[in-house]
Amino acid sequence: MTQHATFRRMQDSTARDWAIIRPEAARFCAGLPDRVLAHLKLLEGDYGGFPIDRYTHCLQTATLALKDGRDEEYVVCALLHDIGDTLGAYNHPDVAAAILEPFVSEANHWMIRHHGVFQGHNFFHHIGLDRDIRDRYRDHPHYARTVEFIDRYDSPAFDADAQTYAIGVFEPMVRRVFAAPQRSLYRPAMQAAPAA
């Protein structure tokens, strides 16, 4: 039988309540890779007018990065860069960056958070926007990294005839990257959580 804390307001919680909650939270956190992969799969079949669906685009972006010898964290960022499309139609890079932030380097986080503005260089002028918005970041240390991400991996990953690895290639990488946060307010507490 599962135990539950009994408080009605957070300020009334006790150490005994948290002795129940912490192992449950640890179990929930352990399921994050499954939830992320399931959410990514929601992009399957969503073409949005593009030559391939958004799921295949993500797989193709990661395929290009992996074939180019990028490290596992970078490949996972490439895979998940558009995961925010389902919930953040107007800010999908922010959604993807928020999911990745605790688990990736600052450089990879910044790249994913800003990839939409940088990809815009390729099409903003077709929809009435300034294609050079990315230039406001020209002096940022991750500017060149983000341009390279777009040019080598994101932009060419709309090819219906390109080799695209299956999700099974990337799933173990996602599990390893999401195994433990590098940066999180909750990291020390979760590491100290008693095993269930």
N, C-alpha and C. Protein backbone atom coordinates (compact mmCIF):
# COMPACT_ATOMS: atom_id res chain seq x y z
N MET A 1 0.84 -1.18 0.00
CA MET A 1 0.00 0.00 0.00
C MET A 1 0.89 1.25 0.00
N THR A 2 0.58 2.17 -0.88
CA THR A 2 1.34 3.40 -0.99
C THR A 2 0.95 4.36 0.12
N GLN A 3 1.97 4.92 0.76
CA GLN A 3 1.73 5.94 1.79
C GLN A 3 1.64 7.30 1.12
N HIS A 4 0.90 8.17 1.74
CA HIS A 4 0.78 9.54 1.26
C HIS A 4 0.97 10.50 2.42
N ALA A 5 1.59 11.63 2.14
CA ALA A 5 1.69 12.70 3.14
C ALA A 5 0.27 13.20 3.43
N THR A 6 0.11 13.81 4.58
CA THR A 6 -1.24 14.19 5.00
C THR A 6 -1.48 15.70 5.12
N PHE A 7 -0.48 16.51 4.84
CA PHE A 7 -0.67 17.95 5.00
C PHE A 7 -1.60 18.51 3.93
N ARG A 8 -2.23 19.64 4.24
CA ARG A 8 -3.12 20.32 3.29
C ARG A 8 -2.50 21.58 2.72
N ARG A 9 -1.53 22.12 3.43
CA ARG A 9 -0.79 23.30 2.95
C ARG A 9 0.69 22.98 3.08
N MET A 10 1.47 23.40 2.10
CA MET A 10 2.90 23.08 2.08
C MET A 10 3.59 23.52 3.37
N GLN A 11 3.18 24.67 3.90
CA GLN A 11 3.85 25.16 5.12
C GLN A 11 3.57 24.27 6.33
N ASP A 12 2.60 23.37 6.22
CA ASP A 12 2.30 22.45 7.31
C ASP A 12 3.01 21.10 7.15
N SER A 13 3.79 20.93 6.09
CA SER A 13 4.48 19.65 5.88
C SER A 13 5.55 19.43 6.94
N THR A 14 5.86 18.17 7.17
CA THR A 14 6.84 17.80 8.20
C THR A 14 7.94 16.94 7.58
N ALA A 15 8.99 16.71 8.36
CA ALA A 15 10.07 15.83 7.91
C ALA A 15 9.52 14.43 7.63
N ARG A 16 8.54 13.99 8.40
CA ARG A 16 7.93 12.67 8.17
C ARG A 16 7.21 12.63 6.81
N ASP A 17 6.53 13.71 6.46
CA ASP A 17 5.88 13.80 5.15
C ASP A 17 6.93 13.69 4.03
N TRP A 18 8.02 14.39 4.22
CA TRP A 18 9.06 14.41 3.19
C TRP A 18 9.82 13.09 3.12
N ALA A 19 9.79 12.33 4.17
CA ALA A 19 10.36 10.98 4.12
C ALA A 19 9.53 10.08 3.21
N ILE A 20 8.28 10.40 3.06
CA ILE A 20 7.39 9.69 2.13
C ILE A 20 7.56 10.25 0.71
N ILE A 21 7.62 11.56 0.59
CA ILE A 21 7.63 12.22 -0.71
C ILE A 21 8.95 12.02 -1.46
N ARG A 22 10.07 12.11 -0.76
CA ARG A 22 11.37 12.08 -1.44
C ARG A 22 11.60 10.80 -2.26
N PRO A 23 11.35 9.62 -1.73
CA PRO A 23 11.57 8.43 -2.58
C PRO A 23 10.58 8.36 -3.74
N GLU A 24 9.36 8.86 -3.52
CA GLU A 24 8.39 8.91 -4.62
C GLU A 24 8.87 9.87 -5.70
N ALA A 25 9.41 11.01 -5.29
CA ALA A 25 9.94 11.98 -6.25
C ALA A 25 11.12 11.38 -7.02
N ALA A 26 11.96 10.63 -6.34
CA ALA A 26 13.10 9.99 -7.00
C ALA A 26 12.62 9.00 -8.06
N ARG A 27 11.59 8.23 -7.75
CA ARG A 27 11.02 7.30 -8.73
C ARG A 27 10.43 8.05 -9.93
N PHE A 28 9.73 9.14 -9.64
CA PHE A 28 9.14 9.95 -10.70
C PHE A 28 10.24 10.52 -11.60
N CYS A 29 11.30 11.04 -10.99
CA CYS A 29 12.41 11.61 -11.76
C CYS A 29 13.08 10.54 -12.63
N ALA A 30 13.16 9.33 -12.13
CA ALA A 30 13.78 8.24 -12.90
C ALA A 30 13.00 7.94 -14.18
N GLY A 31 11.72 8.28 -14.20
CA GLY A 31 10.91 8.07 -15.39
C GLY A 31 10.98 9.19 -16.42
N LEU A 32 11.76 10.22 -16.14
CA LEU A 32 11.84 11.36 -17.04
C LEU A 32 12.25 10.98 -18.46
N PRO A 33 13.27 10.15 -18.66
CA PRO A 33 13.62 9.80 -20.04
C PRO A 33 12.45 9.19 -20.83
N ASP A 34 11.66 8.35 -20.18
CA ASP A 34 10.49 7.76 -20.85
C ASP A 34 9.48 8.84 -21.25
N ARG A 35 9.25 9.80 -20.36
CA ARG A 35 8.29 10.86 -20.65
C ARG A 35 8.79 11.77 -21.77
N VAL A 36 10.09 12.05 -21.76
CA VAL A 36 10.68 12.89 -22.81
C VAL A 36 10.56 12.19 -24.16
N LEU A 37 10.91 10.91 -24.22
CA LEU A 37 10.81 10.17 -25.47
C LEU A 37 9.37 10.07 -25.96
N ALA A 38 8.43 9.87 -25.04
CA ALA A 38 7.01 9.80 -25.42
C ALA A 38 6.55 11.16 -25.96
N HIS A 39 7.01 12.23 -25.35
CA HIS A 39 6.61 13.56 -25.81
C HIS A 39 7.20 13.85 -27.20
N LEU A 40 8.45 13.46 -27.40
CA LEU A 40 9.06 13.65 -28.72
C LEU A 40 8.25 12.92 -29.80
N LYS A 41 7.76 11.74 -29.46
CA LYS A 41 6.99 10.93 -30.42
C LYS A 41 5.70 11.64 -30.85
N LEU A 42 5.21 12.59 -30.05
CA LEU A 42 4.01 13.35 -30.43
C LEU A 42 4.21 14.13 -31.72
N LEU A 43 5.46 14.38 -32.09
CA LEU A 43 5.76 15.13 -33.31
C LEU A 43 5.59 14.28 -34.57
N GLU A 44 5.47 12.96 -34.39
CA GLU A 44 5.32 12.08 -35.54
C GLU A 44 3.99 12.36 -36.25
N GLY A 45 4.06 12.48 -37.57
CA GLY A 45 2.86 12.74 -38.36
C GLY A 45 2.50 14.21 -38.46
N ASP A 46 3.21 15.08 -37.76
CA ASP A 46 2.94 16.51 -37.80
C ASP A 46 3.89 17.15 -38.82
N TYR A 47 3.38 17.33 -40.02
CA TYR A 47 4.20 17.88 -41.11
C TYR A 47 4.24 19.40 -41.08
N GLY A 48 3.16 20.02 -40.70
CA GLY A 48 3.13 21.48 -40.67
C GLY A 48 3.50 22.11 -42.00
N GLY A 49 3.31 21.39 -43.09
CA GLY A 49 3.66 21.91 -44.41
C GLY A 49 5.09 21.59 -44.85
N PHE A 50 5.90 21.05 -43.94
CA PHE A 50 7.29 20.73 -44.26
C PHE A 50 7.38 19.44 -45.07
N PRO A 51 8.52 19.18 -45.72
CA PRO A 51 8.67 17.96 -46.53
C PRO A 51 8.67 16.67 -45.70
N ILE A 52 9.04 16.76 -44.44
CA ILE A 52 9.02 15.60 -43.54
C ILE A 52 8.34 16.04 -42.24
N ASP A 53 7.88 15.06 -41.45
CA ASP A 53 7.23 15.44 -40.20
C ASP A 53 8.28 15.90 -39.17
N ARG A 54 7.81 16.56 -38.15
CA ARG A 54 8.71 17.15 -37.16
C ARG A 54 9.53 16.09 -36.41
N TYR A 55 8.95 14.92 -36.20
CA TYR A 55 9.66 13.83 -35.53
C TYR A 55 10.85 13.38 -36.38
N THR A 56 10.61 13.17 -37.66
CA THR A 56 11.70 12.77 -38.56
C THR A 56 12.75 13.86 -38.64
N HIS A 57 12.32 15.12 -38.63
CA HIS A 57 13.28 16.23 -38.63
C HIS A 57 14.19 16.14 -37.40
N CYS A 58 13.62 15.86 -36.25
CA CYS A 58 14.44 15.74 -35.04
C CYS A 58 15.40 14.56 -35.14
N LEU A 59 14.91 13.43 -35.61
CA LEU A 59 15.76 12.25 -35.80
C LEU A 59 16.87 12.55 -36.81
N GLN A 60 16.52 13.24 -37.88
CA GLN A 60 17.50 13.56 -38.91
C GLN A 60 18.56 14.52 -38.39
N THR A 61 18.16 15.50 -37.61
CA THR A 61 19.11 16.44 -37.02
C THR A 61 20.11 15.70 -36.14
N ALA A 62 19.60 14.79 -35.31
CA ALA A 62 20.47 14.00 -34.44
C ALA A 62 21.34 13.05 -35.24
N THR A 63 20.80 12.48 -36.31
CA THR A 63 21.58 11.58 -37.17
C THR A 63 22.78 12.32 -37.75
N LEU A 64 22.55 13.50 -38.26
CA LEU A 64 23.64 14.29 -38.83
C LEU A 64 24.71 14.60 -37.79
N ALA A 65 24.27 14.97 -36.59
CA ALA A 65 25.23 15.28 -35.53
C ALA A 65 26.02 14.05 -35.12
N LEU A 66 25.36 12.91 -34.99
CA LEU A 66 26.04 11.68 -34.61
C LEU A 66 27.03 11.24 -35.68
N LYS A 67 26.60 11.28 -36.94
CA LYS A 67 27.49 10.90 -38.04
C LYS A 67 28.70 11.82 -38.14
N ASP A 68 28.55 13.03 -37.65
CA ASP A 68 29.64 14.02 -37.69
C ASP A 68 30.57 13.89 -36.48
N GLY A 69 30.26 12.93 -35.59
CA GLY A 69 31.14 12.68 -34.45
C GLY A 69 30.90 13.54 -33.23
N ARG A 70 29.75 14.18 -33.15
CA ARG A 70 29.44 15.00 -31.97
C ARG A 70 29.27 14.12 -30.74
N ASP A 71 29.54 14.68 -29.57
CA ASP A 71 29.40 13.90 -28.34
C ASP A 71 27.93 13.65 -28.03
N GLU A 72 27.73 12.72 -27.10
CA GLU A 72 26.38 12.26 -26.78
C GLU A 72 25.44 13.38 -26.33
N GLU A 73 25.93 14.26 -25.49
CA GLU A 73 25.10 15.36 -25.02
C GLU A 73 24.65 16.24 -26.19
N TYR A 74 25.55 16.54 -27.08
CA TYR A 74 25.21 17.36 -28.24
C TYR A 74 24.18 16.66 -29.11
N VAL A 75 24.36 15.36 -29.32
CA VAL A 75 23.42 14.59 -30.15
C VAL A 75 22.03 14.60 -29.52
N VAL A 76 21.95 14.45 -28.21
CA VAL A 76 20.65 14.49 -27.53
C VAL A 76 20.03 15.88 -27.68
N CYS A 77 20.82 16.92 -27.58
CA CYS A 77 20.30 18.27 -27.82
C CYS A 77 19.76 18.40 -29.25
N ALA A 78 20.48 17.85 -30.21
CA ALA A 78 20.02 17.88 -31.59
C ALA A 78 18.69 17.13 -31.73
N LEU A 79 18.59 15.99 -31.07
CA LEU A 79 17.37 15.19 -31.13
C LEU A 79 16.17 15.95 -30.55
N LEU A 80 16.39 16.66 -29.45
CA LEU A 80 15.29 17.27 -28.71
C LEU A 80 15.09 18.76 -29.01
N HIS A 81 15.83 19.29 -29.95
CA HIS A 81 15.80 20.75 -30.15
C HIS A 81 14.41 21.29 -30.49
N ASP A 82 13.56 20.49 -31.11
CA ASP A 82 12.21 20.95 -31.47
C ASP A 82 11.11 20.27 -30.66
N ILE A 83 11.46 19.62 -29.56
CA ILE A 83 10.46 18.93 -28.73
C ILE A 83 9.40 19.91 -28.23
N GLY A 84 9.73 21.17 -28.15
CA GLY A 84 8.79 22.18 -27.66
C GLY A 84 7.72 22.57 -28.65
N ASP A 85 7.79 22.07 -29.89
CA ASP A 85 6.80 22.44 -30.91
C ASP A 85 5.37 22.14 -30.48
N THR A 86 5.16 21.07 -29.70
CA THR A 86 3.79 20.68 -29.34
C THR A 86 3.14 21.66 -28.38
N LEU A 87 3.90 22.21 -27.46
CA LEU A 87 3.33 23.08 -26.43
C LEU A 87 3.73 24.54 -26.57
N GLY A 88 4.80 24.80 -27.29
CA GLY A 88 5.30 26.17 -27.42
C GLY A 88 5.33 26.62 -28.86
N ALA A 89 4.17 26.74 -29.46
CA ALA A 89 4.11 27.11 -30.87
C ALA A 89 4.81 28.44 -31.15
N TYR A 90 4.87 29.32 -30.16
CA TYR A 90 5.48 30.63 -30.35
C TYR A 90 6.81 30.77 -29.63
N ASN A 91 7.22 29.73 -28.91
CA ASN A 91 8.50 29.80 -28.19
C ASN A 91 9.11 28.40 -28.00
N HIS A 92 9.01 27.57 -29.02
CA HIS A 92 9.47 26.19 -28.88
C HIS A 92 10.92 26.05 -28.44
N PRO A 93 11.85 26.94 -28.83
CA PRO A 93 13.22 26.79 -28.34
C PRO A 93 13.32 26.95 -26.81
N ASP A 94 12.49 27.82 -26.24
CA ASP A 94 12.51 28.01 -24.79
C ASP A 94 12.04 26.76 -24.07
N VAL A 95 11.03 26.09 -24.64
CA VAL A 95 10.50 24.87 -24.02
C VAL A 95 11.58 23.79 -24.05
N ALA A 96 12.20 23.58 -25.22
CA ALA A 96 13.25 22.57 -25.34
C ALA A 96 14.41 22.89 -24.41
N ALA A 97 14.80 24.15 -24.35
CA ALA A 97 15.92 24.56 -23.49
C ALA A 97 15.60 24.32 -22.02
N ALA A 98 14.36 24.57 -21.62
CA ALA A 98 13.97 24.36 -20.21
C ALA A 98 14.06 22.88 -19.84
N ILE A 99 13.65 22.00 -20.75
CA ILE A 99 13.73 20.57 -20.48
C ILE A 99 15.19 20.12 -20.37
N LEU A 100 16.04 20.64 -21.23
CA LEU A 100 17.44 20.22 -21.28
C LEU A 100 18.33 20.88 -20.23
N GLU A 101 17.96 22.06 -19.77
CA GLU A 101 18.86 22.89 -18.96
C GLU A 101 19.54 22.16 -17.79
N PRO A 102 18.84 21.37 -16.98
CA PRO A 102 19.54 20.75 -15.85
C PRO A 102 20.56 19.69 -16.26
N PHE A 103 20.49 19.22 -17.50
CA PHE A 103 21.26 18.05 -17.91
C PHE A 103 22.40 18.32 -18.88
N VAL A 104 22.49 19.55 -19.39
CA VAL A 104 23.48 19.83 -20.43
C VAL A 104 24.33 21.04 -20.06
N SER A 105 25.42 21.18 -20.79
CA SER A 105 26.34 22.30 -20.56
C SER A 105 25.64 23.62 -20.88
N GLU A 106 26.22 24.67 -20.36
CA GLU A 106 25.69 26.00 -20.63
C GLU A 106 25.76 26.30 -22.13
N ALA A 107 26.81 25.85 -22.80
CA ALA A 107 26.97 26.10 -24.24
C ALA A 107 25.86 25.40 -25.04
N ASN A 108 25.57 24.15 -24.71
CA ASN A 108 24.51 23.44 -25.43
C ASN A 108 23.13 24.01 -25.09
N HIS A 109 22.93 24.39 -23.85
CA HIS A 109 21.67 25.01 -23.45
C HIS A 109 21.43 26.29 -24.24
N TRP A 110 22.44 27.15 -24.30
CA TRP A 110 22.31 28.42 -25.01
C TRP A 110 22.02 28.18 -26.49
N MET A 111 22.70 27.23 -27.07
CA MET A 111 22.51 26.90 -28.48
C MET A 111 21.06 26.49 -28.76
N ILE A 112 20.51 25.63 -27.92
CA ILE A 112 19.13 25.18 -28.13
C ILE A 112 18.16 26.32 -27.86
N ARG A 113 18.40 27.08 -26.82
CA ARG A 113 17.50 28.18 -26.47
C ARG A 113 17.40 29.23 -27.58
N HIS A 114 18.48 29.40 -28.32
CA HIS A 114 18.52 30.45 -29.35
C HIS A 114 18.43 29.92 -30.78
N HIS A 115 18.27 28.61 -30.95
CA HIS A 115 18.32 28.07 -32.31
C HIS A 115 17.21 28.61 -33.21
N GLY A 116 16.06 28.97 -32.66
CA GLY A 116 14.97 29.48 -33.48
C GLY A 116 15.32 30.80 -34.16
N VAL A 117 15.94 31.69 -33.41
CA VAL A 117 16.36 32.98 -33.97
C VAL A 117 17.44 32.76 -35.02
N PHE A 118 18.35 31.82 -34.77
CA PHE A 118 19.43 31.56 -35.71
C PHE A 118 18.91 30.86 -36.97
N GLN A 119 17.97 29.93 -36.82
CA GLN A 119 17.36 29.28 -37.99
C GLN A 119 16.57 30.31 -38.81
N GLY A 120 16.05 31.32 -38.13
CA GLY A 120 15.30 32.37 -38.82
C GLY A 120 16.08 33.08 -39.90
N HIS A 121 17.40 33.04 -39.78
CA HIS A 121 18.23 33.66 -40.83
C HIS A 121 17.93 33.04 -42.20
N ASN A 122 17.47 31.80 -42.20
CA ASN A 122 17.19 31.10 -43.46
C ASN A 122 15.79 31.35 -44.02
N PHE A 123 14.89 31.92 -43.21
CA PHE A 123 13.53 32.08 -43.74
C PHE A 123 12.77 33.31 -43.25
N PHE A 124 13.25 34.01 -42.25
CA PHE A 124 12.50 35.15 -41.72
C PHE A 124 12.13 36.15 -42.81
N HIS A 125 13.02 36.37 -43.75
CA HIS A 125 12.74 37.36 -44.81
C HIS A 125 11.57 36.94 -45.69
N HIS A 126 11.21 35.64 -45.68
CA HIS A 126 10.07 35.17 -46.47
C HIS A 126 8.74 35.41 -45.77
N ILE A 127 8.80 35.69 -44.46
CA ILE A 127 7.55 35.88 -43.71
C ILE A 127 7.47 37.28 -43.09
N GLY A 128 8.28 38.19 -43.62
CA GLY A 128 8.18 39.59 -43.20
C GLY A 128 8.96 39.95 -41.95
N LEU A 129 9.90 39.10 -41.56
CA LEU A 129 10.72 39.40 -40.39
C LEU A 129 12.16 39.68 -40.81
N ASP A 130 12.92 40.24 -39.91
CA ASP A 130 14.32 40.56 -40.16
C ASP A 130 15.15 39.28 -40.02
N ARG A 131 15.73 38.83 -41.09
CA ARG A 131 16.50 37.59 -41.06
C ARG A 131 17.79 37.72 -40.26
N ASP A 132 18.22 38.92 -39.98
CA ASP A 132 19.49 39.14 -39.28
C ASP A 132 19.32 39.40 -37.79
N ILE A 133 18.19 39.01 -37.22
CA ILE A 133 17.98 39.19 -35.78
C ILE A 133 19.09 38.53 -34.99
N ARG A 134 19.59 37.41 -35.49
CA ARG A 134 20.65 36.70 -34.76
C ARG A 134 21.90 37.55 -34.56
N ASP A 135 22.08 38.58 -35.38
CA ASP A 135 23.28 39.41 -35.29
C ASP A 135 23.38 40.15 -33.96
N ARG A 136 22.27 40.31 -33.27
CA ARG A 136 22.34 40.97 -31.96
C ARG A 136 23.19 40.15 -30.98
N TYR A 137 23.42 38.87 -31.31
CA TYR A 137 24.22 37.97 -30.45
C TYR A 137 25.63 37.76 -31.00
N ARG A 138 26.01 38.51 -32.01
CA ARG A 138 27.28 38.27 -32.69
C ARG A 138 28.48 38.21 -31.74
N ASP A 139 28.46 38.96 -30.65
CA ASP A 139 29.59 38.97 -29.72
C ASP A 139 29.47 37.92 -28.61
N HIS A 140 28.42 37.13 -28.64
CA HIS A 140 28.23 36.10 -27.60
C HIS A 140 29.19 34.93 -27.86
N PRO A 141 29.74 34.35 -26.80
CA PRO A 141 30.70 33.25 -26.99
C PRO A 141 30.11 32.01 -27.68
N HIS A 142 28.79 31.85 -27.70
CA HIS A 142 28.19 30.67 -28.32
C HIS A 142 27.54 30.97 -29.68
N TYR A 143 27.80 32.18 -30.19
CA TYR A 143 27.24 32.56 -31.49
C TYR A 143 27.69 31.59 -32.59
N ALA A 144 28.98 31.40 -32.74
CA ALA A 144 29.50 30.55 -33.82
C ALA A 144 29.02 29.11 -33.66
N ARG A 145 28.95 28.63 -32.43
CA ARG A 145 28.47 27.26 -32.16
C ARG A 145 27.03 27.10 -32.65
N THR A 146 26.21 28.11 -32.42
CA THR A 146 24.80 28.04 -32.79
C THR A 146 24.63 28.17 -34.30
N VAL A 147 25.41 29.02 -34.94
CA VAL A 147 25.39 29.11 -36.40
C VAL A 147 25.76 27.75 -36.99
N GLU A 148 26.78 27.13 -36.44
CA GLU A 148 27.22 25.82 -36.93
C GLU A 148 26.12 24.76 -36.74
N PHE A 149 25.44 24.78 -35.58
CA PHE A 149 24.35 23.84 -35.34
C PHE A 149 23.28 23.97 -36.42
N ILE A 150 22.93 25.20 -36.74
CA ILE A 150 21.91 25.43 -37.77
C ILE A 150 22.41 24.97 -39.14
N ASP A 151 23.60 25.41 -39.50
CA ASP A 151 24.10 25.14 -40.86
C ASP A 151 24.41 23.67 -41.11
N ARG A 152 24.93 22.97 -40.11
CA ARG A 152 25.36 21.58 -40.32
C ARG A 152 24.29 20.55 -39.99
N TYR A 153 23.38 20.89 -39.06
CA TYR A 153 22.48 19.85 -38.55
C TYR A 153 21.00 20.21 -38.69
N ASP A 154 20.58 21.36 -38.20
CA ASP A 154 19.16 21.71 -38.19
C ASP A 154 18.65 22.04 -39.60
N SER A 155 19.31 22.93 -40.29
CA SER A 155 18.84 23.38 -41.59
C SER A 155 18.80 22.26 -42.65
N PRO A 156 19.81 21.39 -42.73
CA PRO A 156 19.77 20.35 -43.76
C PRO A 156 18.88 19.15 -43.41
N ALA A 157 18.23 19.16 -42.27
CA ALA A 157 17.47 18.00 -41.78
C ALA A 157 15.99 18.06 -42.17
N PHE A 158 15.72 18.43 -43.40
CA PHE A 158 14.35 18.43 -43.93
C PHE A 158 14.29 17.61 -45.22
N ASP A 159 15.19 16.67 -45.37
CA ASP A 159 15.38 15.92 -46.60
C ASP A 159 14.68 14.57 -46.53
N ALA A 160 13.63 14.42 -47.31
CA ALA A 160 12.85 13.18 -47.30
C ALA A 160 13.65 11.98 -47.76
N ASP A 161 14.76 12.21 -48.44
CA ASP A 161 15.57 11.10 -48.95
C ASP A 161 16.83 10.83 -48.11
N ALA A 162 17.04 11.61 -47.09
CA ALA A 162 18.26 11.47 -46.29
C ALA A 162 18.20 10.26 -45.36
N GLN A 163 19.37 9.73 -45.05
CA GLN A 163 19.45 8.65 -44.07
C GLN A 163 19.03 9.21 -42.70
N THR A 164 18.15 8.49 -42.04
CA THR A 164 17.65 8.92 -40.74
C THR A 164 17.66 7.72 -39.81
N TYR A 165 18.45 7.81 -38.74
CA TYR A 165 18.51 6.71 -37.78
C TYR A 165 17.21 6.63 -36.98
N ALA A 166 16.86 5.42 -36.59
CA ALA A 166 15.67 5.19 -35.77
C ALA A 166 15.90 5.67 -34.35
N ILE A 167 14.82 5.89 -33.63
CA ILE A 167 14.90 6.38 -32.25
C ILE A 167 15.70 5.44 -31.37
N GLY A 168 15.70 4.15 -31.68
CA GLY A 168 16.46 3.18 -30.88
C GLY A 168 17.94 3.48 -30.80
N VAL A 169 18.48 4.15 -31.80
CA VAL A 169 19.89 4.55 -31.78
C VAL A 169 20.12 5.60 -30.70
N PHE A 170 19.13 6.47 -30.52
CA PHE A 170 19.29 7.62 -29.62
C PHE A 170 18.75 7.38 -28.21
N GLU A 171 17.85 6.44 -28.06
CA GLU A 171 17.22 6.22 -26.75
C GLU A 171 18.23 5.98 -25.63
N PRO A 172 19.25 5.13 -25.81
CA PRO A 172 20.22 4.97 -24.72
C PRO A 172 20.96 6.26 -24.37
N MET A 173 21.20 7.09 -25.37
CA MET A 173 21.86 8.38 -25.12
C MET A 173 20.97 9.28 -24.27
N VAL A 174 19.68 9.32 -24.62
CA VAL A 174 18.73 10.14 -23.86
C VAL A 174 18.72 9.66 -22.41
N ARG A 175 18.69 8.35 -22.20
CA ARG A 175 18.66 7.80 -20.84
C ARG A 175 19.91 8.18 -20.05
N ARG A 176 21.06 8.14 -20.71
CA ARG A 176 22.30 8.50 -20.00
C ARG A 176 22.35 10.00 -19.69
N VAL A 177 21.98 10.84 -20.66
CA VAL A 177 22.04 12.29 -20.43
C VAL A 177 21.05 12.71 -19.34
N PHE A 178 19.87 12.07 -19.32
CA PHE A 178 18.84 12.44 -18.35
C PHE A 178 18.95 11.64 -17.04
N ALA A 179 20.00 10.86 -16.88
CA ALA A 179 20.15 10.03 -15.68
C ALA A 179 20.32 10.87 -14.41
N ALA A 180 21.05 11.96 -14.52
CA ALA A 180 21.28 12.80 -13.33
C ALA A 180 21.54 14.23 -13.79
N PRO A 181 20.89 15.18 -13.16
CA PRO A 181 21.11 16.58 -13.56
C PRO A 181 22.50 17.06 -13.19
N GLN A 182 23.06 17.88 -14.05
CA GLN A 182 24.33 18.54 -13.76
C GLN A 182 24.08 19.81 -12.94
N ARG A 183 22.96 20.47 -13.26
CA ARG A 183 22.64 21.76 -12.63
C ARG A 183 21.16 21.76 -12.25
N SER A 184 20.90 21.71 -10.97
CA SER A 184 19.51 21.79 -10.51
C SER A 184 19.50 22.15 -9.03
N LEU A 185 18.58 22.98 -8.66
CA LEU A 185 18.37 23.32 -7.26
C LEU A 185 18.11 22.06 -6.44
N TYR A 186 17.43 21.08 -7.03
CA TYR A 186 17.01 19.88 -6.31
C TYR A 186 18.06 18.77 -6.31
N ARG A 187 19.14 18.93 -7.03
CA ARG A 187 20.12 17.85 -7.17
C ARG A 187 20.62 17.31 -5.84
N PRO A 188 21.08 18.14 -4.90
CA PRO A 188 21.59 17.56 -3.64
C PRO A 188 20.52 16.77 -2.88
N ALA A 189 19.29 17.28 -2.87
CA ALA A 189 18.22 16.60 -2.14
C ALA A 189 17.86 15.27 -2.79
N MET A 190 17.86 15.24 -4.11
CA MET A 190 17.50 14.00 -4.81
C MET A 190 18.61 12.97 -4.68
N GLN A 191 19.86 13.41 -4.66
CA GLN A 191 20.97 12.47 -4.51
C GLN A 191 20.94 11.83 -3.12
N ALA A 192 20.43 12.56 -2.15
CA ALA A 192 20.38 12.06 -0.78
C ALA A 192 19.09 11.31 -0.46
N ALA A 193 18.19 11.23 -1.46
CA ALA A 193 16.90 10.56 -1.22
C ALA A 193 17.12 9.09 -0.91
N PRO A 194 16.46 8.58 0.13
CA PRO A 194 16.62 7.17 0.47
C PRO A 194 16.07 6.28 -0.64
N ALA A 195 16.76 5.17 -0.85
CA ALA A 195 16.31 4.22 -1.88
C ALA A 195 14.98 3.58 -1.46
N ALA A 196 14.14 3.32 -2.45
CA ALA A 196 12.83 2.73 -2.15
C ALA A 196 12.91 1.23 -2.12
